Amino acid sequence: MTLSDFTATLKNAAAPDLPPALVALWHDARGDWDMAHKVAQDVNDRRGAWVHAYLHRKEGDIGNARYWYGEAQKPEATDSLEAEWERIVSELLNTE
């Protein structure tokens, strides 16, 4: 699946059958931060930590985001939220 394919699924009523970290980003893109966070909390690996970091950055909780970037072993993002979302989705799709 490509980034374009993934974004095309955003018009669907149900999330695509993908790993939970990507499902969390799908919910986020549809405006459901709470569901995105709930899904991300249950992903206990670096991918989940990266999504968790992004979500807390989006929320404005930078201290919490920094913790999760560390857990993900990723540098703290400084670009736009949209660019970070695309970067995470693209990398996660490429590791599937």
N, C-alpha and C. Protein backbone atom coordinates (compact mmCIF):
# COMPACT_ATOMS: atom_id res chain seq x y z
N MET A 1 0.85 -1.18 0.00
CA MET A 1 0.00 0.00 0.00
C MET A 1 0.90 1.24 0.00
N THR A 2 0.51 2.23 -0.78
CA THR A 2 1.24 3.49 -0.84
C THR A 2 0.58 4.51 0.07
N LEU A 3 1.26 5.64 0.26
CA LEU A 3 0.67 6.73 1.03
C LEU A 3 -0.64 7.19 0.38
N SER A 4 -0.66 7.28 -0.94
CA SER A 4 -1.89 7.67 -1.64
C SER A 4 -3.01 6.67 -1.41
N ASP A 5 -2.68 5.38 -1.45
CA ASP A 5 -3.68 4.35 -1.18
C ASP A 5 -4.22 4.50 0.24
N PHE A 6 -3.30 4.73 1.18
CA PHE A 6 -3.70 4.89 2.58
C PHE A 6 -4.62 6.09 2.74
N THR A 7 -4.24 7.22 2.19
CA THR A 7 -5.09 8.42 2.34
C THR A 7 -6.44 8.24 1.65
N ALA A 8 -6.48 7.43 0.61
CA ALA A 8 -7.76 7.17 -0.06
C ALA A 8 -8.72 6.42 0.87
N THR A 9 -8.19 5.64 1.81
CA THR A 9 -9.06 4.89 2.73
C THR A 9 -9.72 5.79 3.76
N LEU A 10 -9.27 7.03 3.86
CA LEU A 10 -9.83 7.94 4.87
C LEU A 10 -11.30 8.25 4.63
N LYS A 11 -11.76 8.02 3.41
CA LYS A 11 -13.18 8.26 3.11
C LYS A 11 -14.06 7.08 3.50
N ASN A 12 -13.43 5.96 3.82
CA ASN A 12 -14.18 4.77 4.21
C ASN A 12 -14.69 4.88 5.64
N ALA A 13 -15.75 4.18 5.93
CA ALA A 13 -16.33 4.21 7.28
C ALA A 13 -15.51 3.42 8.28
N ALA A 14 -14.78 2.42 7.82
CA ALA A 14 -14.00 1.57 8.72
C ALA A 14 -12.52 1.67 8.36
N ALA A 15 -11.70 1.51 9.38
CA ALA A 15 -10.26 1.54 9.18
C ALA A 15 -9.82 0.36 8.33
N PRO A 16 -8.75 0.53 7.56
CA PRO A 16 -8.24 -0.59 6.77
C PRO A 16 -7.63 -1.66 7.67
N ASP A 17 -7.50 -2.84 7.14
CA ASP A 17 -6.92 -3.95 7.88
C ASP A 17 -5.39 -3.84 7.82
N LEU A 18 -4.87 -3.04 8.73
CA LEU A 18 -3.44 -2.76 8.81
C LEU A 18 -2.99 -2.85 10.26
N PRO A 19 -1.69 -2.87 10.51
CA PRO A 19 -1.21 -2.90 11.89
C PRO A 19 -1.74 -1.71 12.70
N PRO A 20 -1.87 -1.89 14.00
CA PRO A 20 -2.49 -0.87 14.85
C PRO A 20 -1.85 0.52 14.79
N ALA A 21 -0.55 0.62 14.63
CA ALA A 21 0.08 1.95 14.57
C ALA A 21 -0.48 2.74 13.39
N LEU A 22 -0.69 2.07 12.26
CA LEU A 22 -1.28 2.74 11.10
C LEU A 22 -2.76 3.02 11.31
N VAL A 23 -3.44 2.13 11.98
CA VAL A 23 -4.86 2.36 12.28
C VAL A 23 -4.99 3.60 13.18
N ALA A 24 -4.08 3.77 14.12
CA ALA A 24 -4.10 4.96 14.97
C ALA A 24 -3.96 6.22 14.13
N LEU A 25 -3.04 6.21 13.17
CA LEU A 25 -2.85 7.38 12.30
C LEU A 25 -4.06 7.61 11.41
N TRP A 26 -4.72 6.53 11.02
CA TRP A 26 -5.95 6.65 10.22
C TRP A 26 -7.02 7.38 11.03
N HIS A 27 -7.20 6.99 12.29
CA HIS A 27 -8.19 7.66 13.14
C HIS A 27 -7.81 9.13 13.35
N ASP A 28 -6.54 9.38 13.55
CA ASP A 28 -6.09 10.77 13.72
C ASP A 28 -6.44 11.61 12.50
N ALA A 29 -6.16 11.09 11.33
CA ALA A 29 -6.43 11.84 10.10
C ALA A 29 -7.92 12.10 9.91
N ARG A 30 -8.75 11.27 10.49
CA ARG A 30 -10.20 11.46 10.40
C ARG A 30 -10.74 12.33 11.53
N GLY A 31 -9.82 12.88 12.34
CA GLY A 31 -10.22 13.81 13.38
C GLY A 31 -10.57 13.19 14.71
N ASP A 32 -10.26 11.92 14.89
CA ASP A 32 -10.59 11.24 16.15
C ASP A 32 -9.30 10.99 16.94
N TRP A 33 -8.78 12.07 17.56
CA TRP A 33 -7.55 11.98 18.32
C TRP A 33 -7.67 10.98 19.47
N ASP A 34 -8.81 10.98 20.14
CA ASP A 34 -8.99 10.08 21.29
C ASP A 34 -8.87 8.62 20.88
N MET A 35 -9.50 8.23 19.79
CA MET A 35 -9.40 6.85 19.33
C MET A 35 -7.98 6.55 18.86
N ALA A 36 -7.36 7.51 18.18
CA ALA A 36 -5.98 7.33 17.73
C ALA A 36 -5.07 7.07 18.93
N HIS A 37 -5.25 7.85 19.98
CA HIS A 37 -4.42 7.70 21.18
C HIS A 37 -4.69 6.36 21.85
N LYS A 38 -5.94 5.98 21.92
CA LYS A 38 -6.30 4.69 22.54
C LYS A 38 -5.63 3.54 21.81
N VAL A 39 -5.66 3.57 20.49
CA VAL A 39 -5.04 2.50 19.70
C VAL A 39 -3.52 2.54 19.88
N ALA A 40 -2.93 3.72 19.82
CA ALA A 40 -1.47 3.85 19.93
C ALA A 40 -0.97 3.37 21.29
N GLN A 41 -1.72 3.61 22.33
CA GLN A 41 -1.30 3.19 23.67
C GLN A 41 -1.12 1.68 23.78
N ASP A 42 -1.81 0.94 22.94
CA ASP A 42 -1.75 -0.51 23.00
C ASP A 42 -0.68 -1.12 22.09
N VAL A 43 0.09 -0.27 21.41
CA VAL A 43 1.15 -0.75 20.53
C VAL A 43 2.46 -0.60 21.31
N ASN A 44 2.97 -1.70 21.79
CA ASN A 44 4.12 -1.67 22.69
C ASN A 44 5.43 -1.94 21.96
N ASP A 45 5.71 -1.12 20.96
CA ASP A 45 6.98 -1.18 20.26
C ASP A 45 7.37 0.23 19.82
N ARG A 46 8.48 0.34 19.11
CA ARG A 46 8.95 1.67 18.70
C ARG A 46 8.00 2.37 17.74
N ARG A 47 7.31 1.58 16.92
CA ARG A 47 6.34 2.19 16.00
C ARG A 47 5.20 2.85 16.78
N GLY A 48 4.70 2.14 17.76
CA GLY A 48 3.64 2.70 18.59
C GLY A 48 4.12 3.92 19.35
N ALA A 49 5.36 3.88 19.82
CA ALA A 49 5.92 5.02 20.54
C ALA A 49 6.04 6.24 19.64
N TRP A 50 6.40 6.01 18.38
CA TRP A 50 6.52 7.13 17.43
C TRP A 50 5.16 7.77 17.18
N VAL A 51 4.16 6.95 16.96
CA VAL A 51 2.80 7.48 16.76
C VAL A 51 2.35 8.20 18.03
N HIS A 52 2.65 7.62 19.17
CA HIS A 52 2.29 8.23 20.45
C HIS A 52 2.95 9.60 20.59
N ALA A 53 4.22 9.69 20.21
CA ALA A 53 4.94 10.97 20.26
C ALA A 53 4.26 12.00 19.38
N TYR A 54 3.96 11.61 18.14
CA TYR A 54 3.28 12.52 17.21
C TYR A 54 1.96 13.00 17.80
N LEU A 55 1.19 12.09 18.36
CA LEU A 55 -0.12 12.46 18.90
C LEU A 55 0.01 13.45 20.06
N HIS A 56 0.99 13.25 20.93
CA HIS A 56 1.17 14.20 22.04
C HIS A 56 1.73 15.53 21.55
N ARG A 57 2.55 15.50 20.51
CA ARG A 57 3.00 16.76 19.90
C ARG A 57 1.78 17.51 19.35
N LYS A 58 0.92 16.80 18.66
CA LYS A 58 -0.28 17.42 18.10
C LYS A 58 -1.17 17.99 19.21
N GLU A 59 -1.23 17.28 20.31
CA GLU A 59 -2.03 17.71 21.45
C GLU A 59 -1.44 18.96 22.11
N GLY A 60 -0.14 19.17 21.92
CA GLY A 60 0.53 20.30 22.55
C GLY A 60 1.26 19.93 23.82
N ASP A 61 1.32 18.64 24.14
CA ASP A 61 2.00 18.15 25.34
C ASP A 61 3.43 17.77 24.94
N ILE A 62 4.28 18.78 24.79
CA ILE A 62 5.62 18.57 24.25
C ILE A 62 6.48 17.71 25.18
N GLY A 63 6.36 17.89 26.48
CA GLY A 63 7.14 17.07 27.40
C GLY A 63 6.84 15.59 27.24
N ASN A 64 5.57 15.25 27.14
CA ASN A 64 5.17 13.86 26.94
C ASN A 64 5.62 13.37 25.56
N ALA A 65 5.49 14.24 24.56
CA ALA A 65 5.95 13.87 23.22
C ALA A 65 7.44 13.54 23.22
N ARG A 66 8.24 14.36 23.92
CA ARG A 66 9.69 14.11 23.98
C ARG A 66 9.99 12.74 24.58
N TYR A 67 9.26 12.38 25.61
CA TYR A 67 9.45 11.06 26.21
C TYR A 67 9.22 9.98 25.15
N TRP A 68 8.12 10.08 24.40
CA TRP A 68 7.78 9.05 23.43
C TRP A 68 8.72 9.05 22.23
N TYR A 69 9.23 10.24 21.82
CA TYR A 69 10.25 10.24 20.77
C TYR A 69 11.47 9.45 21.24
N GLY A 70 11.83 9.61 22.50
CA GLY A 70 12.95 8.85 23.05
C GLY A 70 12.69 7.35 23.03
N GLU A 71 11.48 6.95 23.42
CA GLU A 71 11.11 5.54 23.39
C GLU A 71 11.13 4.99 21.96
N ALA A 72 10.77 5.83 21.01
CA ALA A 72 10.75 5.43 19.61
C ALA A 72 12.15 5.46 18.98
N GLN A 73 13.09 6.07 19.68
CA GLN A 73 14.44 6.29 19.15
C GLN A 73 14.39 7.09 17.86
N LYS A 74 13.57 8.13 17.89
CA LYS A 74 13.42 9.05 16.76
C LYS A 74 13.73 10.46 17.25
N PRO A 75 14.26 11.31 16.38
CA PRO A 75 14.49 12.70 16.78
C PRO A 75 13.16 13.42 16.94
N GLU A 76 13.13 14.39 17.82
CA GLU A 76 11.92 15.18 18.01
C GLU A 76 11.62 15.94 16.72
N ALA A 77 10.40 15.83 16.26
CA ALA A 77 9.99 16.48 15.01
C ALA A 77 9.87 17.98 15.21
N THR A 78 10.27 18.73 14.19
CA THR A 78 10.15 20.18 14.22
C THR A 78 9.44 20.71 12.99
N ASP A 79 9.10 19.82 12.07
CA ASP A 79 8.39 20.25 10.87
C ASP A 79 6.89 20.28 11.15
N SER A 80 6.09 20.48 10.14
CA SER A 80 4.64 20.56 10.35
C SER A 80 4.09 19.21 10.78
N LEU A 81 2.96 19.26 11.46
CA LEU A 81 2.29 18.03 11.86
C LEU A 81 1.91 17.20 10.63
N GLU A 82 1.48 17.87 9.57
CA GLU A 82 1.10 17.16 8.35
C GLU A 82 2.29 16.42 7.75
N ALA A 83 3.45 17.07 7.74
CA ALA A 83 4.64 16.43 7.19
C ALA A 83 5.06 15.25 8.05
N GLU A 84 4.98 15.42 9.36
CA GLU A 84 5.34 14.31 10.24
C GLU A 84 4.38 13.14 10.06
N TRP A 85 3.09 13.42 9.97
CA TRP A 85 2.09 12.36 9.77
C TRP A 85 2.42 11.58 8.50
N GLU A 86 2.69 12.28 7.42
CA GLU A 86 3.02 11.62 6.14
C GLU A 86 4.30 10.80 6.26
N ARG A 87 5.29 11.33 6.95
CA ARG A 87 6.56 10.62 7.13
C ARG A 87 6.35 9.32 7.92
N ILE A 88 5.58 9.40 8.99
CA ILE A 88 5.35 8.20 9.80
C ILE A 88 4.57 7.17 9.00
N VAL A 89 3.49 7.60 8.36
CA VAL A 89 2.69 6.66 7.56
C VAL A 89 3.55 6.01 6.49
N SER A 90 4.33 6.82 5.77
CA SER A 90 5.16 6.28 4.70
C SER A 90 6.15 5.26 5.22
N GLU A 91 6.82 5.58 6.32
CA GLU A 91 7.80 4.63 6.86
C GLU A 91 7.13 3.36 7.36
N LEU A 92 6.01 3.51 8.05
CA LEU A 92 5.33 2.31 8.54
C LEU A 92 4.81 1.44 7.41
N LEU A 93 4.31 2.06 6.35
CA LEU A 93 3.85 1.28 5.20
C LEU A 93 5.01 0.55 4.53
N ASN A 94 6.18 1.18 4.53
CA ASN A 94 7.34 0.56 3.88
C ASN A 94 7.97 -0.55 4.70
N THR A 95 7.60 -0.67 5.97
CA THR A 95 8.15 -1.73 6.80
C THR A 95 7.18 -2.90 6.94
N GLU A 96 6.06 -2.80 6.27
CA GLU A 96 5.07 -3.89 6.33
C GLU A 96 5.43 -4.98 5.35
